[in-house]
Amino acid sequence: MAADDFIGQLKVLGYEVTMADQYALFPFCVPIGRLIRQEVRLGLFAPADFPLTPPPGPHVSPRIDHPHGACHASHLGPDWVYWSRPFPGWSASTRDVRAYMAHVRRLFEQL
């Protein structure tokens, strides 16, 4: 049920979500930074206990390394990279998808 809420909130924000296992996959137009207006795909783990737990970090395709490191092979496939960039201060946030996507935007701003 909590994962369904996570996906529902993504859809309310206008994302066209498909599921692969427990991952919400969707196109994302980068809103800021050096990749502004480029479209990538994001893969976000939909936690079964959301909103208690946020997704651990985004999977990004095509493979784009994050300048702060913590980039790993993604089990979503060779065209994906996992950014191990957890949401800092989740417990103090609104604990919703809008807050998580603001975190994702900040990560792209750092590129």
Protein backbone atom coordinates (compact mmCIF):
# COMPACT_ATOMS: atom_id res chain seq x y z
CA MET A 1 0.00 0.00 0.00
CA ALA A 2 2.76 2.50 0.90
CA ALA A 3 4.59 1.84 -2.38
CA ASP A 4 1.29 2.49 -4.19
CA ASP A 5 1.09 5.86 -2.43
CA PHE A 6 4.64 6.65 -3.57
CA ILE A 7 3.76 5.87 -7.20
CA GLY A 8 0.47 7.75 -6.92
CA GLN A 9 2.28 10.85 -5.70
CA LEU A 10 4.71 10.64 -8.66
CA LYS A 11 1.74 10.49 -11.03
CA VAL A 12 0.07 13.47 -9.34
CA LEU A 13 3.27 15.42 -10.03
CA GLY A 14 2.86 14.56 -13.73
CA TYR A 15 5.41 11.76 -14.15
CA GLU A 16 4.57 8.87 -16.48
CA VAL A 17 5.56 5.95 -14.29
CA THR A 18 6.12 2.32 -15.20
CA MET A 19 7.13 -0.29 -12.66
CA ALA A 20 9.98 -2.80 -12.77
CA ASP A 21 10.04 -4.92 -9.64
CA GLN A 22 9.86 -2.34 -6.84
CA TYR A 23 11.25 0.50 -8.97
CA ALA A 24 9.29 3.42 -10.39
CA LEU A 25 10.82 4.25 -13.78
CA PHE A 26 10.01 7.49 -15.57
CA PRO A 27 11.39 10.16 -17.91
CA PHE A 28 12.74 13.23 -16.16
CA CYS A 29 13.54 16.56 -17.81
CA VAL A 30 16.51 17.99 -15.92
CA PRO A 31 15.32 21.38 -14.61
CA ILE A 32 18.66 22.89 -13.56
CA GLY A 33 22.43 22.68 -13.94
CA ARG A 34 24.63 21.86 -16.89
CA LEU A 35 22.17 19.25 -18.21
CA ILE A 36 19.18 21.61 -18.10
CA ARG A 37 16.34 20.57 -20.44
CA GLN A 38 17.95 17.19 -21.21
CA GLU A 39 15.75 14.17 -20.67
CA VAL A 40 17.04 11.27 -18.62
CA ARG A 41 15.27 8.29 -17.05
CA LEU A 42 15.06 7.91 -13.31
CA GLY A 43 14.53 4.73 -11.37
CA LEU A 44 13.39 5.17 -7.79
CA PHE A 45 12.96 2.33 -5.32
CA ALA A 46 9.41 2.47 -3.92
CA PRO A 47 9.83 1.57 -0.23
CA ALA A 48 7.17 -0.70 1.25
CA ASP A 49 7.09 1.51 4.35
CA PHE A 50 6.97 4.87 2.54
CA PRO A 51 6.79 7.60 3.85
CA LEU A 52 8.64 6.31 6.90
CA THR A 53 11.57 5.48 4.63
CA PRO A 54 12.54 7.46 1.50
CA PRO A 55 14.03 5.92 -1.64
CA PRO A 56 17.74 5.35 -0.99
CA GLY A 57 18.98 7.28 -4.05
CA PRO A 58 18.14 7.59 -7.73
CA HIS A 59 19.16 5.29 -10.54
CA VAL A 60 19.92 7.38 -13.64
CA SER A 61 20.00 6.49 -17.34
CA PRO A 62 22.01 7.20 -19.36
CA ARG A 63 24.95 6.66 -17.07
CA ILE A 64 25.96 10.07 -15.69
CA ASP A 65 28.49 10.11 -12.88
CA HIS A 66 27.80 12.42 -9.97
CA PRO A 67 30.75 14.70 -9.17
CA HIS A 68 30.51 13.94 -5.43
CA GLY A 69 31.06 10.24 -6.08
CA ALA A 70 29.15 7.34 -4.59
CA CYS A 71 28.18 6.12 -8.08
CA HIS A 72 27.70 2.38 -8.51
CA ALA A 73 26.57 -0.14 -11.09
CA SER A 74 22.79 -0.40 -11.13
CA HIS A 75 20.98 -3.71 -11.23
CA LEU A 76 18.49 -1.98 -13.59
CA GLY A 77 20.98 -2.65 -16.38
CA PRO A 78 24.21 -1.50 -18.01
CA ASP A 79 22.69 1.80 -19.19
CA TRP A 80 21.94 2.82 -15.59
CA VAL A 81 24.05 4.16 -12.71
CA TYR A 82 23.01 4.24 -9.06
CA TRP A 83 23.73 7.45 -7.17
CA SER A 84 24.05 6.53 -3.51
CA ARG A 85 22.93 9.95 -2.39
CA PRO A 86 20.39 9.51 0.44
CA PHE A 87 17.97 12.28 1.33
CA PRO A 88 19.50 14.24 4.24
CA GLY A 89 17.01 15.25 6.90
CA TRP A 90 14.13 13.08 5.69
CA SER A 91 12.64 12.91 9.17
CA ALA A 92 12.43 16.73 9.31
CA SER A 93 10.95 17.06 5.81
CA THR A 94 7.34 16.72 4.70
CA ARG A 95 8.15 13.08 3.84
CA ASP A 96 6.44 13.10 0.48
CA VAL A 97 7.43 12.62 -3.15
CA ARG A 98 7.51 16.37 -3.78
CA ALA A 99 10.20 16.73 -1.10
CA TYR A 100 12.13 13.74 -2.51
CA MET A 101 12.04 15.17 -6.04
CA ALA A 102 13.41 18.47 -4.67
CA HIS A 103 16.34 16.37 -3.39
CA VAL A 104 16.76 14.87 -6.88
CA ARG A 105 16.76 18.37 -8.42
CA ARG A 106 19.49 19.41 -5.97
CA LEU A 107 21.57 16.42 -7.06
CA PHE A 108 21.30 17.46 -10.71
CA GLU A 109 22.17 21.05 -9.76
CA GLN A 110 25.51 19.74 -8.44
CA LEU A 111 26.56 18.36 -11.83
